[in-house]
């Protein structure tokens, strides 16, 4: 999948069934969060920056690699 140098939006990722499944499997608690809809315009780059404070860097790297393989 082309992540557009991490400039792809969360909305684009969620609209794709395969990338949505990656997020659902790796971060099920986030997929149920009420503010998920508000994050649709956030870029993957912004999400990584924010999530880095809460999610181990290796998990982020593994997720990015999985998304790139789609």
PDB file of N, CA and C in Angstrom:
ATOM      1  N   UNK A   1       0.851  -1.179   0.000  1.00  0.00           N
ATOM      2  CA  UNK A   1       0.000   0.000   0.000  1.00  0.00           C
ATOM      3  C   UNK A   1       0.893   1.238   0.000  1.00  0.00           C
ATOM      4  N   UNK A   2       0.529   2.205  -0.772  1.00  0.00           N
ATOM      5  CA  UNK A   2       1.266   3.469  -0.814  1.00  0.00           C
ATOM      6  C   UNK A   2       0.810   4.344   0.356  1.00  0.00           C
ATOM      7  N   UNK A   3       1.682   4.533   1.314  1.00  0.00           N
ATOM      8  CA  UNK A   3       1.368   5.350   2.483  1.00  0.00           C
ATOM      9  C   UNK A   3       1.680   6.822   2.248  1.00  0.00           C
ATOM     10  N   UNK A   4       2.067   7.151   1.024  1.00  0.00           N
ATOM     11  CA  UNK A   4       2.330   8.539   0.622  1.00  0.00           C
ATOM     12  C   UNK A   4       3.314   9.226   1.570  1.00  0.00           C
ATOM     13  N   UNK A   5       4.398   8.521   1.882  1.00  0.00           N
ATOM     14  CA  UNK A   5       5.410   9.044   2.808  1.00  0.00           C
ATOM     15  C   UNK A   5       4.761   9.435   4.139  1.00  0.00           C
ATOM     16  N   UNK A   6       3.824   8.601   4.590  1.00  0.00           N
ATOM     17  CA  UNK A   6       3.075   8.783   5.844  1.00  0.00           C
ATOM     18  C   UNK A   6       2.161  10.008   5.832  1.00  0.00           C
ATOM     19  N   UNK A   7       1.849  10.506   4.636  1.00  0.00           N
ATOM     20  CA  UNK A   7       0.926  11.643   4.510  1.00  0.00           C
ATOM     21  C   UNK A   7      -0.509  11.170   4.247  1.00  0.00           C
ATOM     22  N   UNK A   8      -0.710   9.861   4.119  1.00  0.00           N
ATOM     23  CA  UNK A   8      -2.046   9.316   3.933  1.00  0.00           C
ATOM     24  C   UNK A   8      -2.873   9.618   5.183  1.00  0.00           C
ATOM     25  N   UNK A   9      -4.162   9.851   5.017  1.00  0.00           N
ATOM     26  CA  UNK A   9      -4.984  10.189   6.186  1.00  0.00           C
ATOM     27  C   UNK A   9      -5.536   8.920   6.838  1.00  0.00           C
ATOM     28  N   UNK A  10      -5.895   9.072   8.090  1.00  0.00           N
ATOM     29  CA  UNK A  10      -6.510   7.972   8.827  1.00  0.00           C
ATOM     30  C   UNK A  10      -7.801   7.560   8.120  1.00  0.00           C
ATOM     31  N   UNK A  11      -8.531   8.528   7.600  1.00  0.00           N
ATOM     32  CA  UNK A  11      -9.760   8.229   6.876  1.00  0.00           C
ATOM     33  C   UNK A  11      -9.524   7.326   5.676  1.00  0.00           C
ATOM     34  N   UNK A  12      -8.467   7.603   4.919  1.00  0.00           N
ATOM     35  CA  UNK A  12      -8.140   6.767   3.764  1.00  0.00           C
ATOM     36  C   UNK A  12      -7.799   5.344   4.204  1.00  0.00           C
ATOM     37  N   UNK A  13      -7.062   5.237   5.296  1.00  0.00           N
ATOM     38  CA  UNK A  13      -6.695   3.920   5.807  1.00  0.00           C
ATOM     39  C   UNK A  13      -7.923   3.160   6.305  1.00  0.00           C
ATOM     40  N   UNK A  14      -8.831   3.863   6.957  1.00  0.00           N
ATOM     41  CA  UNK A  14     -10.032   3.210   7.479  1.00  0.00           C
ATOM     42  C   UNK A  14     -11.009   2.845   6.369  1.00  0.00           C
ATOM     43  N   UNK A  15     -10.980   3.562   5.256  1.00  0.00           N
ATOM     44  CA  UNK A  15     -11.863   3.270   4.137  1.00  0.00           C
ATOM     45  C   UNK A  15     -11.417   2.030   3.354  1.00  0.00           C
ATOM     46  N   UNK A  16     -10.159   1.660   3.493  1.00  0.00           N
ATOM     47  CA  UNK A  16      -9.634   0.477   2.817  1.00  0.00           C
ATOM     48  C   UNK A  16      -9.842  -0.725   3.740  1.00  0.00           C
ATOM     49  N   UNK A  17     -10.592  -1.729   3.330  1.00  0.00           N
ATOM     50  CA  UNK A  17     -10.881  -2.872   4.205  1.00  0.00           C
ATOM     51  C   UNK A  17      -9.641  -3.590   4.728  1.00  0.00           C
ATOM     52  N   UNK A  18      -8.593  -3.679   3.907  1.00  0.00           N
ATOM     53  CA  UNK A  18      -7.384  -4.390   4.343  1.00  0.00           C
ATOM     54  C   UNK A  18      -6.631  -3.611   5.417  1.00  0.00           C
ATOM     55  N   UNK A  19      -6.450  -2.313   5.227  1.00  0.00           N
ATOM     56  CA  UNK A  19      -5.730  -1.538   6.249  1.00  0.00           C
ATOM     57  C   UNK A  19      -6.598  -1.370   7.497  1.00  0.00           C
ATOM     58  N   UNK A  20      -7.903  -1.269   7.314  1.00  0.00           N
ATOM     59  CA  UNK A  20      -8.804  -1.199   8.467  1.00  0.00           C
ATOM     60  C   UNK A  20      -8.661  -2.469   9.313  1.00  0.00           C
ATOM     61  N   UNK A  21      -8.544  -3.619   8.658  1.00  0.00           N
ATOM     62  CA  UNK A  21      -8.382  -4.889   9.365  1.00  0.00           C
ATOM     63  C   UNK A  21      -7.080  -4.912  10.172  1.00  0.00           C
ATOM     64  N   UNK A  22      -6.029  -4.306   9.625  1.00  0.00           N
ATOM     65  CA  UNK A  22      -4.750  -4.234  10.366  1.00  0.00           C
ATOM     66  C   UNK A  22      -4.952  -3.447  11.657  1.00  0.00           C
ATOM     67  N   UNK A  23      -5.591  -2.288  11.555  1.00  0.00           N
ATOM     68  CA  UNK A  23      -5.839  -1.477  12.752  1.00  0.00           C
ATOM     69  C   UNK A  23      -6.768  -2.194  13.726  1.00  0.00           C
ATOM     70  N   UNK A  24      -7.775  -2.867  13.196  1.00  0.00           N
ATOM     71  CA  UNK A  24      -8.726  -3.583  14.045  1.00  0.00           C
ATOM     72  C   UNK A  24      -8.025  -4.688  14.832  1.00  0.00           C
ATOM     73  N   UNK A  25      -7.139  -5.400  14.177  1.00  0.00           N
ATOM     74  CA  UNK A  25      -6.426  -6.498  14.822  1.00  0.00           C
ATOM     75  C   UNK A  25      -5.389  -5.997  15.827  1.00  0.00           C
ATOM     76  N   UNK A  26      -4.658  -4.948  15.457  1.00  0.00           N
ATOM     77  CA  UNK A  26      -3.570  -4.470  16.319  1.00  0.00           C
ATOM     78  C   UNK A  26      -4.028  -3.511  17.421  1.00  0.00           C
ATOM     79  N   UNK A  27      -5.070  -2.735  17.148  1.00  0.00           N
ATOM     80  CA  UNK A  27      -5.517  -1.717  18.106  1.00  0.00           C
ATOM     81  C   UNK A  27      -7.038  -1.736  18.272  1.00  0.00           C
ATOM     82  N   UNK A  28      -7.600  -2.851  18.725  1.00  0.00           N
ATOM     83  CA  UNK A  28      -9.066  -2.934  18.809  1.00  0.00           C
ATOM     84  C   UNK A  28      -9.679  -1.884  19.733  1.00  0.00           C
ATOM     85  N   UNK A  29      -8.965  -1.499  20.769  1.00  0.00           N
ATOM     86  CA  UNK A  29      -9.497  -0.503  21.707  1.00  0.00           C
ATOM     87  C   UNK A  29      -9.628   0.868  21.053  1.00  0.00           C
ATOM     88  N   UNK A  30      -8.737   1.190  20.139  1.00  0.00           N
ATOM     89  CA  UNK A  30      -8.790   2.475  19.440  1.00  0.00           C
ATOM     90  C   UNK A  30      -9.949   2.485  18.449  1.00  0.00           C
ATOM     91  N   UNK A  31     -10.202   1.342  17.830  1.00  0.00           N
ATOM     92  CA  UNK A  31     -11.262   1.262  16.823  1.00  0.00           C
ATOM     93  C   UNK A  31     -12.653   1.451  17.432  1.00  0.00           C
ATOM     94  N   UNK A  32     -12.757   1.315  18.743  1.00  0.00           N
ATOM     95  CA  UNK A  32     -14.037   1.505  19.432  1.00  0.00           C
ATOM     96  C   UNK A  32     -14.157   2.884  20.066  1.00  0.00           C
ATOM     97  N   UNK A  33     -13.096   3.685  19.967  1.00  0.00           N
ATOM     98  CA  UNK A  33     -13.083   4.992  20.629  1.00  0.00           C
ATOM     99  C   UNK A  33     -14.076   5.947  19.954  1.00  0.00           C
ATOM    100  N   UNK A  34     -14.832   6.714  20.748  1.00  0.00           N
ATOM    101  CA  UNK A  34     -15.826   7.620  20.165  1.00  0.00           C
ATOM    102  C   UNK A  34     -15.238   8.733  19.291  1.00  0.00           C
ATOM    103  N   UNK A  35     -13.980   9.070  19.462  1.00  0.00           N
ATOM    104  CA  UNK A  35     -13.369  10.134  18.666  1.00  0.00           C
ATOM    105  C   UNK A  35     -12.714   9.626  17.386  1.00  0.00           C
ATOM    106  N   UNK A  36     -12.874   8.355  17.096  1.00  0.00           N
ATOM    107  CA  UNK A  36     -12.259   7.794  15.893  1.00  0.00           C
ATOM    108  C   UNK A  36     -12.700   8.553  14.641  1.00  0.00           C
ATOM    109  N   UNK A  37     -13.964   8.872  14.550  1.00  0.00           N
ATOM    110  CA  UNK A  37     -14.472   9.603  13.386  1.00  0.00           C
ATOM    111  C   UNK A  37     -13.823  10.967  13.218  1.00  0.00           C
ATOM    112  N   UNK A  38     -13.495  11.606  14.318  1.00  0.00           N
ATOM    113  CA  UNK A  38     -12.870  12.927  14.270  1.00  0.00           C
ATOM    114  C   UNK A  38     -11.417  12.860  13.799  1.00  0.00           C
ATOM    115  N   UNK A  39     -10.837  11.665  13.826  1.00  0.00           N
ATOM    116  CA  UNK A  39      -9.425  11.524  13.448  1.00  0.00           C
ATOM    117  C   UNK A  39      -9.239  11.270  11.956  1.00  0.00           C
ATOM    118  N   UNK A  40     -10.296  11.266  11.187  1.00  0.00           N
ATOM    119  CA  UNK A  40     -10.205  10.910   9.767  1.00  0.00           C
ATOM    120  C   UNK A  40      -9.290  11.834   8.963  1.00  0.00           C
ATOM    121  N   UNK A  41      -9.143  13.083   9.373  1.00  0.00           N
ATOM    122  CA  UNK A  41      -8.301  14.018   8.619  1.00  0.00           C
ATOM    123  C   UNK A  41      -6.854  14.053   9.117  1.00  0.00           C
ATOM    124  N   UNK A  42      -6.566  13.326  10.162  1.00  0.00           N
ATOM    125  CA  UNK A  42      -5.205  13.253  10.708  1.00  0.00           C
ATOM    126  C   UNK A  42      -4.360  12.402   9.766  1.00  0.00           C
ATOM    127  N   UNK A  43      -3.137  12.833   9.523  1.00  0.00           N
ATOM    128  CA  UNK A  43      -2.246  12.033   8.671  1.00  0.00           C
ATOM    129  C   UNK A  43      -1.612  10.923   9.491  1.00  0.00           C
ATOM    130  N   UNK A  44      -1.130   9.918   8.789  1.00  0.00           N
ATOM    131  CA  UNK A  44      -0.433   8.822   9.457  1.00  0.00           C
ATOM    132  C   UNK A  44       0.786   9.355  10.199  1.00  0.00           C
ATOM    133  N   UNK A  45       1.459  10.314   9.617  1.00  0.00           N
ATOM    134  CA  UNK A  45       2.624  10.940  10.252  1.00  0.00           C
ATOM    135  C   UNK A  45       2.240  11.568  11.595  1.00  0.00           C
ATOM    136  N   UNK A  46       1.125  12.277  11.627  1.00  0.00           N
ATOM    137  CA  UNK A  46       0.657  12.891  12.866  1.00  0.00           C
ATOM    138  C   UNK A  46       0.256  11.828  13.879  1.00  0.00           C
ATOM    139  N   UNK A  47      -0.383  10.772  13.400  1.00  0.00           N
ATOM    140  CA  UNK A  47      -0.801   9.684  14.279  1.00  0.00           C
ATOM    141  C   UNK A  47       0.403   9.003  14.914  1.00  0.00           C
ATOM    142  N   UNK A  48       1.433   8.758  14.119  1.00  0.00           N
ATOM    143  CA  UNK A  48       2.657   8.128  14.629  1.00  0.00           C
ATOM    144  C   UNK A  48       3.286   9.006  15.704  1.00  0.00           C
ATOM    145  N   UNK A  49       3.343  10.293  15.453  1.00  0.00           N
ATOM    146  CA  UNK A  49       3.926  11.232  16.415  1.00  0.00           C
ATOM    147  C   UNK A  49       3.180  11.196  17.741  1.00  0.00           C
ATOM    148  N   UNK A  50       1.862  11.198  17.663  1.00  0.00           N
ATOM    149  CA  UNK A  50       1.038  11.170  18.871  1.00  0.00           C
ATOM    150  C   UNK A  50       1.102   9.807  19.553  1.00  0.00           C
ATOM    151  N   UNK A  51       0.967   8.740  18.774  1.00  0.00           N
ATOM    152  CA  UNK A  51       0.902   7.394  19.334  1.00  0.00           C
ATOM    153  C   UNK A  51       2.227   6.961  19.952  1.00  0.00           C
ATOM    154  N   UNK A  52       3.321   7.550  19.502  1.00  0.00           N
ATOM    155  CA  UNK A  52       4.638   7.190  20.025  1.00  0.00           C
ATOM    156  C   UNK A  52       4.760   7.364  21.523  1.00  0.00           C
ATOM    157  N   UNK A  53       3.929   8.200  22.101  1.00  0.00           N
ATOM    158  CA  UNK A  53       3.954   8.404  23.546  1.00  0.00           C
ATOM    159  C   UNK A  53       3.223   7.291  24.291  1.00  0.00           C
ATOM    160  N   UNK A  54       2.421   6.505  23.574  1.00  0.00           N
ATOM    161  CA  UNK A  54       1.575   5.492  24.214  1.00  0.00           C
ATOM    162  C   UNK A  54       1.813   4.064  23.734  1.00  0.00           C
ATOM    163  N   UNK A  55       2.347   3.934  22.541  1.00  0.00           N
ATOM    164  CA  UNK A  55       2.524   2.618  21.937  1.00  0.00           C
ATOM    165  C   UNK A  55       4.013   2.380  21.707  1.00  0.00           C
ATOM    166  N   UNK A  56       4.505   1.183  22.048  1.00  0.00           N
ATOM    167  CA  UNK A  56       5.934   0.893  21.839  1.00  0.00           C
ATOM    168  C   UNK A  56       6.346   1.101  20.378  1.00  0.00           C
ATOM    169  N   UNK A  57       7.524   1.642  20.201  1.00  0.00           N
ATOM    170  CA  UNK A  57       8.025   1.966  18.862  1.00  0.00           C
ATOM    171  C   UNK A  57       8.068   0.733  17.952  1.00  0.00           C
ATOM    172  N   UNK A  58       8.389  -0.419  18.514  1.00  0.00           N
ATOM    173  CA  UNK A  58       8.442  -1.641  17.706  1.00  0.00           C
ATOM    174  C   UNK A  58       7.055  -2.002  17.161  1.00  0.00           C
ATOM    175  N   UNK A  59       6.032  -1.791  17.950  1.00  0.00           N
ATOM    176  CA  UNK A  59       4.663  -2.059  17.491  1.00  0.00           C
ATOM    177  C   UNK A  59       4.307  -1.119  16.346  1.00  0.00           C
ATOM    178  N   UNK A  60       4.713   0.129  16.455  1.00  0.00           N
ATOM    179  CA  UNK A  60       4.462   1.099  15.382  1.00  0.00           C
ATOM    180  C   UNK A  60       5.210   0.686  14.117  1.00  0.00           C
ATOM    181  N   UNK A  61       6.473   0.310  14.252  1.00  0.00           N
ATOM    182  CA  UNK A  61       7.269  -0.124  13.092  1.00  0.00           C
ATOM    183  C   UNK A  61       6.642  -1.349  12.429  1.00  0.00           C
ATOM    184  N   UNK A  62       6.237  -2.326  13.247  1.00  0.00           N
ATOM    185  CA  UNK A  62       5.629  -3.543  12.704  1.00  0.00           C
ATOM    186  C   UNK A  62       4.327  -3.229  11.970  1.00  0.00           C
ATOM    187  N   UNK A  63       3.547  -2.319  12.516  1.00  0.00           N
ATOM    188  CA  UNK A  63       2.285  -1.934  11.895  1.00  0.00           C
ATOM    189  C   UNK A  63       2.541  -1.244  10.556  1.00  0.00           C
ATOM    190  N   UNK A  64       3.502  -0.343  10.522  1.00  0.00           N
ATOM    191  CA  UNK A  64       3.838   0.344   9.274  1.00  0.00           C
ATOM    192  C   UNK A  64       4.307  -0.644   8.204  1.00  0.00           C
ATOM    193  N   UNK A  65       5.131  -1.597   8.607  1.00  0.00           N
ATOM    194  CA  UNK A  65       5.614  -2.599   7.653  1.00  0.00           C
ATOM    195  C   UNK A  65       4.449  -3.427   7.106  1.00  0.00           C
ATOM    196  N   UNK A  66       3.519  -3.786   7.992  1.00  0.00           N
ATOM    197  CA  UNK A  66       2.369  -4.558   7.547  1.00  0.00           C
ATOM    198  C   UNK A  66       1.501  -3.758   6.566  1.00  0.00           C
ATOM    199  N   UNK A  67       1.304  -2.489   6.862  1.00  0.00           N
ATOM    200  CA  UNK A  67       0.531  -1.633   5.961  1.00  0.00           C
ATOM    201  C   UNK A  67       1.217  -1.491   4.613  1.00  0.00           C
ATOM    202  N   UNK A  68       2.530  -1.361   4.606  1.00  0.00           N
ATOM    203  CA  UNK A  68       3.278  -1.210   3.360  1.00  0.00           C
ATOM    204  C   UNK A  68       3.192  -2.478   2.497  1.00  0.00           C
ATOM    205  N   UNK A  69       3.051  -3.635   3.135  1.00  0.00           N
ATOM    206  CA  UNK A  69       2.960  -4.895   2.391  1.00  0.00           C
ATOM    207  C   UNK A  69       1.596  -5.109   1.745  1.00  0.00           C
ATOM    208  N   UNK A  70       0.604  -4.327   2.130  1.00  0.00           N
ATOM    209  CA  UNK A  70      -0.742  -4.517   1.572  1.00  0.00           C
ATOM    210  C   UNK A  70      -0.785  -4.118   0.102  1.00  0.00           C
TER     211      UNK A  70
END
